[in-house]
């Protein structure tokens, strides 16, 4: 709880029952909440979040079990709570049950306002991590983003990414000359990874309206900072999606917030639950980005608190940046566990009153070893503490209470309705349709040309066939004329022959008659001029 200008988190189990507090101006030096399952990490997280909210600091945290959102409801008075209040002397410090202004988000859009970003905003590095691409495929993805940027194509959701891959694949030879080698195998592998991501619900993460981080950094009318709760009960079953999404949120804070320098208190505090998922199987380039964000986001006025089971889950480069530490119980059942416990104990400044190594394995639920930075930024000696109880409810909330929260925060009209403005999908679909129309027209023109050629060939065939028929008829006519001519000539010859025979016969007859007549007359004259 926030009291006397400090964030009171726990009570030291020493003779003086000292309060263990975080100095507000050191709260953005980041922190760690570690411990085995069931040791009280969630309660510690809620007490920290309540303290920051009381001070007017907005908080963003992940709710992986569905029990953190109850920070929105006032705590319930029980016999156990009365004992805690009395043990810590909380009544005198102003402890009272109260709710905290809460805004619920959900990547899947089922239990809270949809929390979206665009493919362009996420960028190729985190998207390659999300799609689990190898180095070659990651390079192809980077080329795709450059082509999209150079051509003014917005990549909003996964359908934009898909059609962009299709466009690049179809024009790979052209793009290779300007951007580098693009293989169909890599394009196909990226498409398959997108399909796998869609099956996990990742398609719901990309779209518009994308989240505006200024909506995280609000206070209510009393001045309390809003607690932004990301509902992750389903999302946590897709560890890669969860981790990449949370990393993107951290990156957004780093990229979009202006430099703030050393503030009296953080502008915002970001809790990363199940932090080991962030670093598990992350590429070297992603790890370097995480280290960069953790080191530099402090100057933007943002504190990051990692929540995990074992400090060894966090890389040393990041672990060294976490100045405020709460260590709940660790178990040492195996040699590896014992080594991790020893490393965790050695990370604290030793307290001469007890052995950190001994205490860390026998801490009870709600107990922790705590070391915060003092006003000079120096880690305090470790304290064996009992963590304060939260002022809000412990447990879950009812559906009606969730529904009421979603109505009251005022963000529904802005985020609950998905929009789909013109982006790469619409532009390239129009281009593809134009290409298809041009191809269709070309095919139709080719068909018409083929038909024209066929028609001309048929006309030519018919013309030639007509000519051949005319030629055949001409020749038949000539042959008939020739036949008739010859027939006529034969007839004429026959007639001439007949005439000649007739003339010869007539002439012979006449000649004979003439001779007879002449002879008869002659006899008559000689024979007394008498005819026979």
Protein backbone atom coordinates (compact mmCIF):
# COMPACT_ATOMS: atom_id res chain seq x y z
CA UNK A 1 0.00 0.00 0.00
CA UNK A 2 1.07 3.60 -0.60
CA UNK A 3 1.65 5.38 2.69
CA UNK A 4 3.87 8.18 3.90
CA UNK A 5 5.16 8.68 0.36
CA UNK A 6 6.47 5.10 0.09
CA UNK A 7 5.29 1.83 -1.41
CA UNK A 8 4.94 -0.40 1.65
CA UNK A 9 5.21 -4.02 0.48
CA UNK A 10 6.29 -6.13 3.43
CA UNK A 11 7.22 -6.25 7.10
CA UNK A 12 10.62 -7.50 8.20
CA UNK A 13 10.55 -10.36 10.64
CA UNK A 14 13.10 -8.75 12.93
CA UNK A 15 12.86 -7.27 16.36
CA UNK A 16 11.70 -3.87 15.12
CA UNK A 17 9.21 -5.19 12.54
CA UNK A 18 10.60 -2.70 10.05
CA UNK A 19 8.56 -1.68 7.06
CA UNK A 20 10.11 -2.75 3.76
CA UNK A 21 9.28 -0.16 1.14
CA UNK A 22 10.12 0.93 -2.39
CA UNK A 23 11.15 4.53 -2.88
CA UNK A 24 8.89 5.95 -5.66
CA UNK A 25 11.75 7.43 -7.67
CA UNK A 26 13.48 4.03 -7.67
CA UNK A 27 10.42 2.08 -8.78
CA UNK A 28 11.41 2.43 -12.44
CA UNK A 29 14.74 0.65 -11.78
CA UNK A 30 12.85 -2.54 -12.60
CA UNK A 31 12.27 -5.54 -10.41
CA UNK A 32 11.90 -9.28 -10.00
CA UNK A 33 9.26 -11.37 -8.26
CA UNK A 34 10.41 -14.99 -8.13
CA UNK A 35 9.36 -18.14 -6.36
CA UNK A 36 7.99 -21.62 -6.79
CA UNK A 37 4.36 -22.25 -7.67
CA UNK A 38 1.98 -21.51 -4.79
CA UNK A 39 4.39 -19.41 -2.72
CA UNK A 40 2.53 -16.09 -3.03
CA UNK A 41 3.87 -14.36 -6.14
CA UNK A 42 0.40 -13.29 -7.28
CA UNK A 43 -0.38 -11.62 -3.93
CA UNK A 44 2.94 -9.76 -4.08
CA UNK A 45 2.15 -8.64 -7.60
CA UNK A 46 -1.26 -7.34 -6.52
CA UNK A 47 0.17 -5.49 -3.51
CA UNK A 48 2.74 -3.81 -5.76
CA UNK A 49 0.12 -2.96 -8.39
CA UNK A 50 -2.22 -1.51 -5.75
CA UNK A 51 0.59 0.59 -4.31
CA UNK A 52 1.50 2.00 -7.71
CA UNK A 53 -2.16 2.70 -8.51
CA UNK A 54 -2.63 4.50 -5.16
CA UNK A 55 0.28 6.74 -6.15
CA UNK A 56 -1.34 7.57 -9.49
CA UNK A 57 0.91 5.26 -11.51
CA UNK A 58 -0.85 3.22 -14.25
CA UNK A 59 -0.01 -0.48 -14.33
CA UNK A 60 -0.05 -3.10 -17.06
CA UNK A 61 0.01 -6.76 -16.04
CA UNK A 62 -0.82 -10.19 -17.40
CA UNK A 63 -3.45 -12.36 -15.75
CA UNK A 64 -2.48 -15.91 -16.66
CA UNK A 65 -4.74 -17.65 -14.11
CA UNK A 66 -7.74 -15.32 -14.12
CA UNK A 67 -7.33 -14.25 -10.48
CA UNK A 68 -5.51 -10.93 -10.85
CA UNK A 69 -8.52 -9.15 -12.36
CA UNK A 70 -10.16 -9.27 -8.92
CA UNK A 71 -8.04 -6.21 -8.12
CA UNK A 72 -11.09 -4.43 -9.56
CA UNK A 73 -13.22 -5.47 -6.57
CA UNK A 74 -12.94 -4.50 -2.90
CA UNK A 75 -11.47 -7.07 -0.52
CA UNK A 76 -13.67 -9.20 1.68
CA UNK A 77 -13.40 -9.01 5.45
CA UNK A 78 -12.61 -12.40 6.95
CA UNK A 79 -11.16 -13.66 10.20
CA UNK A 80 -7.86 -14.39 8.46
CA UNK A 81 -7.74 -10.87 7.03
CA UNK A 82 -8.43 -9.35 10.45
CA UNK A 83 -5.48 -11.27 11.85
CA UNK A 84 -3.24 -9.97 9.06
CA UNK A 85 -4.43 -6.40 9.56
CA UNK A 86 -3.69 -6.64 13.25
CA UNK A 87 -0.31 -8.34 12.73
CA UNK A 88 0.93 -5.62 10.38
CA UNK A 89 -0.75 -2.73 12.16
CA UNK A 90 -2.49 -1.83 8.91
CA UNK A 91 -5.50 -0.14 10.48
CA UNK A 92 -3.32 2.66 11.83
CA UNK A 93 -1.75 3.08 8.35
CA UNK A 94 -5.14 3.65 6.71
CA UNK A 95 -5.68 0.17 5.25
CA UNK A 96 -9.21 -0.34 3.96
CA UNK A 97 -10.85 -2.65 1.46
CA UNK A 98 -11.16 -0.97 -1.89
CA UNK A 99 -11.37 -1.66 -5.63
CA UNK A 100 -8.93 -0.25 -8.16
CA UNK A 101 -9.81 1.24 -11.54
CA UNK A 102 -9.36 -1.62 -13.95
CA UNK A 103 -9.38 -1.98 -17.71
CA UNK A 104 -9.51 -5.54 -19.05
CA UNK A 105 -7.84 -6.46 -22.35
CA UNK A 106 -7.81 -9.73 -24.25
CA UNK A 107 -5.81 -10.56 -27.37
CA UNK A 108 -8.55 -13.01 -28.36
CA UNK A 109 -11.24 -10.40 -27.72
CA UNK A 110 -13.35 -12.76 -25.58
CA UNK A 111 -12.98 -11.59 -21.97
CA UNK A 112 -11.87 -8.01 -22.50
CA UNK A 113 -11.37 -5.27 -25.04
CA UNK A 114 -9.52 -6.60 -28.10
CA UNK A 115 -5.85 -5.68 -27.92
CA UNK A 116 -4.53 -5.49 -31.45
CA UNK A 117 -1.60 -4.24 -33.43
CA UNK A 118 -0.78 -4.25 -37.12
CA UNK A 119 1.75 -6.43 -38.90
CA UNK A 120 3.61 -3.28 -39.95
CA UNK A 121 3.81 -2.01 -36.37
CA UNK A 122 5.12 -5.32 -35.04
CA UNK A 123 7.91 -5.37 -37.61
CA UNK A 124 9.90 -8.24 -39.15
CA UNK A 125 12.10 -9.05 -36.14
CA UNK A 126 9.31 -9.85 -33.68
CA UNK A 127 7.13 -11.36 -36.38
CA UNK A 128 9.93 -13.75 -37.36
CA UNK A 129 10.20 -14.70 -33.68
CA UNK A 130 6.46 -15.25 -33.50
CA UNK A 131 6.44 -17.38 -36.67
CA UNK A 132 9.53 -19.29 -35.51
CA UNK A 133 11.39 -18.66 -38.76
CA UNK A 134 15.00 -19.62 -39.40
CA UNK A 135 17.59 -17.06 -40.43
CA UNK A 136 16.98 -17.41 -44.17
CA UNK A 137 13.22 -17.14 -43.78
CA UNK A 138 13.64 -14.15 -41.45
CA UNK A 139 15.71 -12.40 -44.12
CA UNK A 140 12.98 -13.04 -46.70
CA UNK A 141 10.44 -11.58 -44.27
CA UNK A 142 12.60 -8.47 -43.85
CA UNK A 143 12.77 -8.11 -47.65
CA UNK A 144 8.98 -8.39 -47.80
CA UNK A 145 8.61 -5.53 -45.29
CA UNK A 146 11.03 -3.37 -47.30
CA UNK A 147 9.09 -4.02 -50.51
CA UNK A 148 5.84 -3.15 -48.74
CA UNK A 149 7.32 0.06 -47.33
CA UNK A 150 8.84 1.08 -50.68
CA UNK A 151 5.51 0.55 -52.43
CA UNK A 152 3.38 2.21 -49.75
CA UNK A 153 1.54 -1.01 -48.91
CA UNK A 154 0.11 -1.22 -45.40
CA UNK A 155 0.39 -4.61 -43.70
CA UNK A 156 -2.44 -4.55 -41.17
CA UNK A 157 -3.48 -8.16 -40.66
CA UNK A 158 -2.46 -11.65 -41.72
CA UNK A 159 -4.43 -11.56 -44.97
CA UNK A 160 -2.28 -8.57 -45.95
CA UNK A 161 0.82 -10.59 -45.12
CA UNK A 162 -0.43 -13.58 -47.10
CA UNK A 163 -1.22 -11.62 -50.25
CA UNK A 164 2.10 -9.77 -49.94
CA UNK A 165 3.90 -13.11 -49.89
CA UNK A 166 1.94 -14.16 -52.98
CA UNK A 167 2.82 -10.90 -54.74
CA UNK A 168 6.51 -11.17 -53.88
CA UNK A 169 6.58 -14.84 -54.87
CA UNK A 170 5.02 -14.13 -58.28
CA UNK A 171 7.53 -11.33 -58.93
CA UNK A 172 10.55 -12.94 -57.26
CA UNK A 173 12.83 -12.56 -60.29
CA UNK A 174 12.12 -8.86 -60.53
CA UNK A 175 12.59 -8.22 -56.79
CA UNK A 176 15.70 -10.37 -56.50
CA UNK A 177 17.67 -7.86 -58.57
CA UNK A 178 16.86 -5.02 -56.16
CA UNK A 179 16.42 -6.66 -52.76
CA UNK A 180 18.24 -9.99 -52.78
CA UNK A 181 17.51 -13.61 -53.45
CA UNK A 182 13.92 -14.74 -52.84
CA UNK A 183 13.18 -18.44 -53.00
CA UNK A 184 9.80 -20.11 -53.37
CA UNK A 185 10.77 -22.61 -50.65
CA UNK A 186 11.18 -19.82 -48.08
CA UNK A 187 7.95 -18.17 -49.17
CA UNK A 188 6.15 -21.49 -48.73
CA UNK A 189 7.66 -22.04 -45.28
CA UNK A 190 6.49 -18.59 -44.12
CA UNK A 191 2.97 -19.27 -45.42
CA UNK A 192 2.87 -22.53 -43.46
CA UNK A 193 4.00 -20.73 -40.30
CA UNK A 194 1.22 -18.18 -40.77
CA UNK A 195 -1.32 -21.00 -41.01
CA UNK A 196 0.00 -22.47 -37.76
CA UNK A 197 -0.25 -19.07 -36.07
CA UNK A 198 -3.85 -18.66 -37.24
CA UNK A 199 -4.74 -22.00 -35.69
CA UNK A 200 -3.50 -20.64 -32.34
CA UNK A 201 -5.74 -17.57 -32.67
CA UNK A 202 -2.89 -15.27 -33.69
CA UNK A 203 -4.96 -13.81 -36.50
CA UNK A 204 -7.10 -12.03 -33.88
CA UNK A 205 -4.04 -10.18 -32.59
CA UNK A 206 -3.49 -8.35 -35.90
CA UNK A 207 -5.93 -5.70 -37.03
CA UNK A 208 -7.29 -2.26 -36.33
CA UNK A 209 -7.90 -0.22 -34.33
CA UNK A 210 -4.46 -0.94 -32.92
CA UNK A 211 -3.85 -0.15 -29.28
CA UNK A 212 -2.85 3.38 -28.29
CA UNK A 213 -0.51 3.19 -25.29
CA UNK A 214 -1.87 6.51 -24.06
CA UNK A 215 -5.03 4.57 -23.16
CA UNK A 216 -2.93 2.53 -20.71
CA UNK A 217 -1.65 5.60 -18.95
CA UNK A 218 -4.85 6.91 -17.40
CA UNK A 219 -5.99 7.79 -13.90
CA UNK A 220 -9.52 7.82 -12.55
CA UNK A 221 -11.32 10.77 -11.03
CA UNK A 222 -9.67 10.11 -7.64
CA UNK A 223 -6.18 10.17 -9.13
CA UNK A 224 -5.57 6.41 -8.94
CA UNK A 225 -3.67 4.88 -11.83
CA UNK A 226 -5.58 2.45 -14.00
CA UNK A 227 -4.65 -1.21 -13.69
CA UNK A 228 -4.64 -2.63 -17.23
CA UNK A 229 -5.20 -6.38 -16.94
CA UNK A 230 -4.41 -8.57 -19.93
CA UNK A 231 -6.59 -11.68 -19.74
CA UNK A 232 -4.23 -14.54 -20.71
CA UNK A 233 -5.95 -17.69 -19.48
CA UNK A 234 -6.22 -19.02 -23.05
CA UNK A 235 -3.34 -17.07 -24.53
CA UNK A 236 -0.82 -18.65 -22.16
CA UNK A 237 -1.47 -21.99 -23.88
CA UNK A 238 0.27 -20.48 -26.93
CA UNK A 239 3.55 -19.54 -25.20
CA UNK A 240 5.24 -18.11 -28.27
CA UNK A 241 2.30 -15.84 -29.04
CA UNK A 242 2.06 -14.73 -25.41
CA UNK A 243 5.78 -14.00 -25.07
CA UNK A 244 6.08 -12.18 -28.39
CA UNK A 245 2.99 -10.12 -27.66
CA UNK A 246 4.27 -9.04 -24.25
CA UNK A 247 7.64 -8.19 -25.74
CA UNK A 248 5.90 -6.08 -28.36
CA UNK A 249 4.07 -4.20 -25.60
CA UNK A 250 7.38 -3.47 -23.87
CA UNK A 251 8.85 -2.37 -27.17
CA UNK A 252 5.88 -0.05 -27.82
CA UNK A 253 6.46 1.70 -24.51
CA UNK A 254 10.11 2.13 -25.34
CA UNK A 255 9.59 3.34 -28.90
CA UNK A 256 6.63 5.67 -28.40
CA UNK A 257 7.25 7.36 -25.07
CA UNK A 258 9.46 10.45 -24.98
CA UNK A 259 12.55 10.70 -22.82
CA UNK A 260 11.63 11.62 -19.26
CA UNK A 261 14.87 11.39 -17.30
CA UNK A 262 14.78 10.71 -13.56
CA UNK A 263 11.21 11.24 -12.43
CA UNK A 264 9.90 11.36 -8.89
CA UNK A 265 7.79 8.32 -9.72
CA UNK A 266 7.36 6.12 -12.81
CA UNK A 267 4.96 7.08 -15.54
CA UNK A 268 3.94 3.45 -15.78
CA UNK A 269 4.88 0.02 -14.42
CA UNK A 270 4.79 -3.10 -16.58
CA UNK A 271 4.57 -6.59 -15.05
CA UNK A 272 5.67 -9.55 -17.16
CA UNK A 273 4.29 -12.77 -15.63
CA UNK A 274 5.68 -16.17 -16.71
CA UNK A 275 8.76 -14.27 -17.80
CA UNK A 276 10.72 -17.42 -18.61
CA UNK A 277 8.60 -17.75 -21.76
CA UNK A 278 10.07 -14.52 -23.05
CA UNK A 279 13.60 -15.88 -23.09
CA UNK A 280 12.93 -19.52 -23.91
CA UNK A 281 14.26 -20.33 -27.40
CA UNK A 282 14.49 -16.60 -28.26
CA UNK A 283 16.94 -15.76 -31.03
CA UNK A 284 20.06 -13.79 -30.23
CA UNK A 285 18.74 -10.73 -32.04
CA UNK A 286 15.54 -10.80 -29.94
CA UNK A 287 17.52 -11.23 -26.71
CA UNK A 288 19.61 -8.21 -27.64
CA UNK A 289 16.43 -6.22 -28.22
CA UNK A 290 15.08 -7.25 -24.80
CA UNK A 291 18.33 -6.20 -23.12
CA UNK A 292 18.21 -2.88 -24.95
CA UNK A 293 14.61 -2.21 -23.93
CA UNK A 294 15.24 -3.09 -20.27
CA UNK A 295 18.32 -0.88 -20.09
CA UNK A 296 16.86 2.15 -21.83
CA UNK A 297 13.15 2.15 -21.04
CA UNK A 298 13.90 3.41 -17.52
CA UNK A 299 14.72 6.80 -19.03
CA UNK A 300 11.21 6.83 -20.51
CA UNK A 301 9.79 6.62 -16.99
CA UNK A 302 8.73 2.95 -17.21
CA UNK A 303 9.49 0.25 -14.67
CA UNK A 304 9.48 -3.42 -15.74
CA UNK A 305 8.92 -6.20 -13.22
CA UNK A 306 9.52 -9.79 -14.25
CA UNK A 307 7.52 -12.52 -12.49
CA UNK A 308 8.91 -16.03 -12.77
CA UNK A 309 9.62 -19.17 -10.75
CA UNK A 310 13.40 -18.97 -10.66
CA UNK A 311 15.81 -16.06 -11.14
CA UNK A 312 17.86 -18.33 -13.40
CA UNK A 313 15.02 -18.05 -15.94
CA UNK A 314 16.25 -14.52 -16.65
CA UNK A 315 19.50 -13.96 -18.63
CA UNK A 316 22.29 -12.41 -16.56
CA UNK A 317 22.39 -9.31 -18.79
CA UNK A 318 18.76 -8.61 -17.90
CA UNK A 319 18.89 -9.89 -14.33
CA UNK A 320 21.61 -7.38 -13.55
CA UNK A 321 19.20 -4.53 -14.38
CA UNK A 322 16.58 -5.61 -11.83
CA UNK A 323 17.21 -3.58 -8.68
CA UNK A 324 14.04 -4.32 -6.70
CA UNK A 325 13.73 -7.99 -5.79
CA UNK A 326 11.17 -10.15 -4.03
CA UNK A 327 12.22 -13.77 -3.64
CA UNK A 328 9.61 -16.25 -2.47
CA UNK A 329 10.44 -19.84 -1.55
CA UNK A 330 12.48 -22.03 -3.88
CA UNK A 331 12.64 -25.81 -3.77
CA UNK A 332 15.95 -27.66 -3.81
CA UNK A 333 15.05 -31.22 -4.69
CA UNK A 334 17.71 -31.81 -7.34
CA UNK A 335 21.36 -30.72 -7.76
CA UNK A 336 20.21 -28.28 -10.44
CA UNK A 337 17.65 -26.83 -7.99
CA UNK A 338 20.31 -26.50 -5.29
CA UNK A 339 22.58 -24.65 -7.69
CA UNK A 340 19.75 -22.27 -8.63
CA UNK A 341 18.93 -21.63 -4.95
CA UNK A 342 22.55 -20.83 -4.21
CA UNK A 343 22.70 -18.40 -7.14
CA UNK A 344 19.48 -16.72 -5.99
CA UNK A 345 20.82 -16.32 -2.45
CA UNK A 346 24.11 -14.86 -3.65
CA UNK A 347 22.24 -12.16 -5.60
CA UNK A 348 21.24 -10.43 -2.32
CA UNK A 349 23.29 -8.32 0.05
CA UNK A 350 23.75 -10.61 3.01
CA UNK A 351 21.92 -9.84 6.22
CA UNK A 352 24.06 -10.71 9.26
CA UNK A 353 20.96 -11.78 11.21
CA UNK A 354 20.32 -14.89 9.09
CA UNK A 355 21.63 -17.07 6.28
CA UNK A 356 19.91 -16.21 3.03
CA UNK A 357 20.70 -19.65 1.62
CA UNK A 358 19.04 -21.37 4.57
CA UNK A 359 15.96 -19.17 4.67
CA UNK A 360 15.18 -19.23 0.95
CA UNK A 361 14.12 -22.89 0.99
CA UNK A 362 11.93 -22.70 4.10
CA UNK A 363 9.91 -19.60 3.39
CA UNK A 364 6.18 -20.04 3.94
CA UNK A 365 3.35 -18.88 1.72
CA UNK A 366 3.25 -15.08 1.75
CA UNK A 367 6.82 -14.85 3.05
CA UNK A 368 9.71 -13.55 0.99
CA UNK A 369 13.26 -12.31 0.96
CA UNK A 370 13.10 -8.68 -0.14
CA UNK A 371 15.70 -6.17 -1.19
CA UNK A 372 14.77 -2.79 -2.69
CA UNK A 373 16.93 0.11 -3.86
CA UNK A 374 17.28 2.95 -1.38
CA UNK A 375 17.09 6.62 -2.26
CA UNK A 376 20.68 6.53 -3.52
CA UNK A 377 19.97 3.56 -5.77
CA UNK A 378 21.93 1.15 -3.55
CA UNK A 379 20.41 -2.32 -2.91
CA UNK A 380 19.41 -2.69 0.72
CA UNK A 381 20.44 -5.71 2.75
CA UNK A 382 18.03 -8.56 2.28
CA UNK A 383 15.11 -8.75 4.72
CA UNK A 384 13.12 -11.81 5.72
CA UNK A 385 9.58 -10.48 5.35
CA UNK A 386 5.91 -11.20 5.40
CA UNK A 387 4.16 -9.62 2.42
CA UNK A 388 1.18 -7.36 3.14
CA UNK A 389 -2.29 -8.54 2.11
CA UNK A 390 -3.99 -6.78 -0.80
CA UNK A 391 -6.79 -4.31 -0.25
CA UNK A 392 -8.72 -5.75 -3.16
CA UNK A 393 -10.44 -9.09 -3.47
CA UNK A 394 -8.47 -12.31 -3.68
CA UNK A 395 -9.84 -14.79 -6.19
CA UNK A 396 -11.83 -14.28 -9.37
CA UNK A 397 -14.73 -12.11 -10.49
CA UNK A 398 -18.18 -12.90 -11.84
CA UNK A 399 -19.18 -12.45 -15.48
CA UNK A 400 -21.54 -9.60 -14.57
CA UNK A 401 -18.74 -7.80 -12.73
CA UNK A 402 -16.49 -8.20 -15.77
CA UNK A 403 -19.23 -6.89 -18.05
CA UNK A 404 -19.73 -3.86 -15.81
CA UNK A 405 -16.00 -3.07 -15.87
CA UNK A 406 -15.98 -3.20 -19.69
CA UNK A 407 -18.84 -0.73 -19.82
CA UNK A 408 -17.39 1.64 -17.25
CA UNK A 409 -13.87 2.15 -18.64
CA UNK A 410 -15.15 4.01 -21.72
CA UNK A 411 -12.88 2.23 -24.21
CA UNK A 412 -15.48 -0.07 -25.78
CA UNK A 413 -16.55 2.30 -28.59
CA UNK A 414 -12.91 2.74 -29.59
CA UNK A 415 -11.67 -0.85 -29.58
CA UNK A 416 -14.54 -3.35 -29.61
CA UNK A 417 -15.42 -2.98 -33.31
CA UNK A 418 -12.90 -4.28 -35.84
CA UNK A 419 -12.23 -1.96 -38.78
CA UNK A 420 -10.70 -2.87 -42.12
CA UNK A 421 -9.40 0.04 -44.11
CA UNK A 422 -7.64 -0.21 -47.48
CA UNK A 423 -4.32 -1.99 -47.09
CA UNK A 424 -2.03 -4.33 -49.01
CA UNK A 425 -4.82 -6.89 -49.43
CA UNK A 426 -7.22 -4.49 -51.13
CA UNK A 427 -4.50 -2.82 -53.25
CA UNK A 428 -2.96 -6.09 -54.43
CA UNK A 429 -6.33 -7.77 -54.93
CA UNK A 430 -7.27 -4.89 -57.20
CA UNK A 431 -3.95 -5.29 -58.99
CA UNK A 432 -4.47 -9.04 -59.33
CA UNK A 433 -8.03 -8.44 -60.60
CA UNK A 434 -6.71 -5.96 -63.15
CA UNK A 435 -4.10 -8.48 -64.22
CA UNK A 436 -6.74 -11.19 -64.45
CA UNK A 437 -8.99 -8.85 -66.45
CA UNK A 438 -6.09 -7.99 -68.76
CA UNK A 439 -5.31 -11.69 -69.11
CA UNK A 440 -8.97 -12.45 -69.79
CA UNK A 441 -9.13 -9.72 -72.42
CA UNK A 442 -5.89 -10.99 -73.95
CA UNK A 443 -7.29 -14.51 -74.01
CA UNK A 444 -10.50 -13.25 -75.57
CA UNK A 445 -8.51 -11.26 -78.13
CA UNK A 446 -6.40 -14.30 -78.83
CA UNK A 447 -9.56 -16.38 -79.21
CA UNK A 448 -11.03 -13.77 -81.56
CA UNK A 449 -7.80 -13.69 -83.55
CA UNK A 450 -7.75 -17.47 -83.68
CA UNK A 451 -11.36 -17.44 -84.83
CA UNK A 452 -10.56 -14.81 -87.48
CA UNK A 453 -7.62 -16.82 -88.74
CA UNK A 454 -9.76 -19.97 -88.79
CA UNK A 455 -12.49 -18.09 -90.62
CA UNK A 456 -10.01 -16.73 -93.17
CA UNK A 457 -8.57 -20.19 -93.63
CA UNK A 458 -12.06 -21.59 -94.15
CA UNK A 459 -12.85 -18.83 -96.63
CA UNK A 460 -9.60 -19.50 -98.42
CA UNK A 461 -10.38 -23.22 -98.45
CA UNK A 462 -13.83 -22.54 -99.85
CA UNK A 463 -12.39 -20.11 -102.44
CA UNK A 464 -9.85 -22.65 -103.54
CA UNK A 465 -12.47 -25.36 -103.58
CA UNK A 466 -14.70 -23.12 -105.73
CA UNK A 467 -11.82 -22.38 -108.05
CA UNK A 468 -11.07 -26.08 -108.30
CA UNK A 469 -14.75 -26.78 -109.03
CA UNK A 470 -14.88 -24.00 -111.61
CA UNK A 471 -11.70 -25.31 -113.14
CA UNK A 472 -13.15 -28.82 -113.17
CA UNK A 473 -16.34 -27.55 -114.82
CA UNK A 474 -14.32 -25.52 -117.31
CA UNK A 475 -12.27 -28.52 -118.19
CA UNK A 476 -15.36 -30.71 -118.46
CA UNK A 477 -16.93 -28.07 -120.72
CA UNK A 478 -13.83 -27.91 -122.85
CA UNK A 479 -13.73 -31.69 -123.04
CA UNK A 480 -17.42 -31.75 -123.98
CA UNK A 481 -16.88 -29.04 -126.56
CA UNK A 482 -13.93 -30.91 -127.87
CA UNK A 483 -15.98 -34.10 -127.99
CA UNK A 484 -18.79 -32.30 -129.76
CA UNK A 485 -16.33 -30.69 -132.12
CA UNK A 486 -14.79 -34.01 -132.93
CA UNK A 487 -18.24 -35.59 -133.21
CA UNK A 488 -19.24 -32.86 -135.58
CA UNK A 489 -16.06 -33.30 -137.54
CA UNK A 490 -16.71 -37.04 -137.71
CA UNK A 491 -20.24 -36.37 -138.85
CA UNK A 492 -19.02 -33.87 -141.40
CA UNK A 493 -16.41 -36.28 -142.64
CA UNK A 494 -19.01 -39.02 -142.84
CA UNK A 495 -21.33 -36.67 -144.62
CA UNK A 496 -18.63 -35.63 -146.99
CA UNK A 497 -17.79 -39.28 -147.51
CA UNK A 498 -21.46 -40.06 -148.12
CA UNK A 499 -21.76 -37.08 -150.42
CA UNK A 500 -18.69 -38.13 -152.26
CA UNK A 501 -20.05 -41.69 -152.70
CA UNK A 502 -23.40 -40.30 -153.76
CA UNK A 503 -21.82 -37.93 -156.17
CA UNK A 504 -19.68 -40.69 -157.50
CA UNK A 505 -22.69 -42.95 -157.85
CA UNK A 506 -24.71 -40.22 -159.51
CA UNK A 507 -21.84 -39.32 -161.74
CA UNK A 508 -21.30 -42.93 -162.65
CA UNK A 509 -25.00 -43.29 -163.28
CA UNK A 510 -25.08 -40.18 -165.34
CA UNK A 511 -22.02 -41.17 -167.19
CA UNK A 512 -23.54 -44.59 -167.90
CA UNK A 513 -26.83 -43.05 -168.90
CA UNK A 514 -25.07 -40.57 -171.05
CA UNK A 515 -23.15 -43.25 -172.71
CA UNK A 516 -26.32 -45.28 -173.20
CA UNK A 517 -28.22 -42.33 -174.56
CA UNK A 518 -25.39 -41.40 -176.76
CA UNK A 519 -25.03 -44.93 -177.82
CA UNK A 520 -28.71 -45.30 -178.49
CA UNK A 521 -28.83 -42.17 -180.51
CA UNK A 522 -25.86 -43.18 -182.45
CA UNK A 523 -27.39 -46.47 -183.30
CA UNK A 524 -30.47 -44.73 -184.33
CA UNK A 525 -28.67 -42.51 -186.63
CA UNK A 526 -26.63 -45.28 -187.95
CA UNK A 527 -29.54 -47.54 -187.61
CA UNK A 528 -31.85 -45.47 -189.48
CA UNK A 529 -32.17 -42.85 -186.63
CA UNK A 530 -34.25 -45.07 -184.32
CA UNK A 531 -34.40 -45.41 -180.56
CA UNK A 532 -34.54 -48.65 -178.72
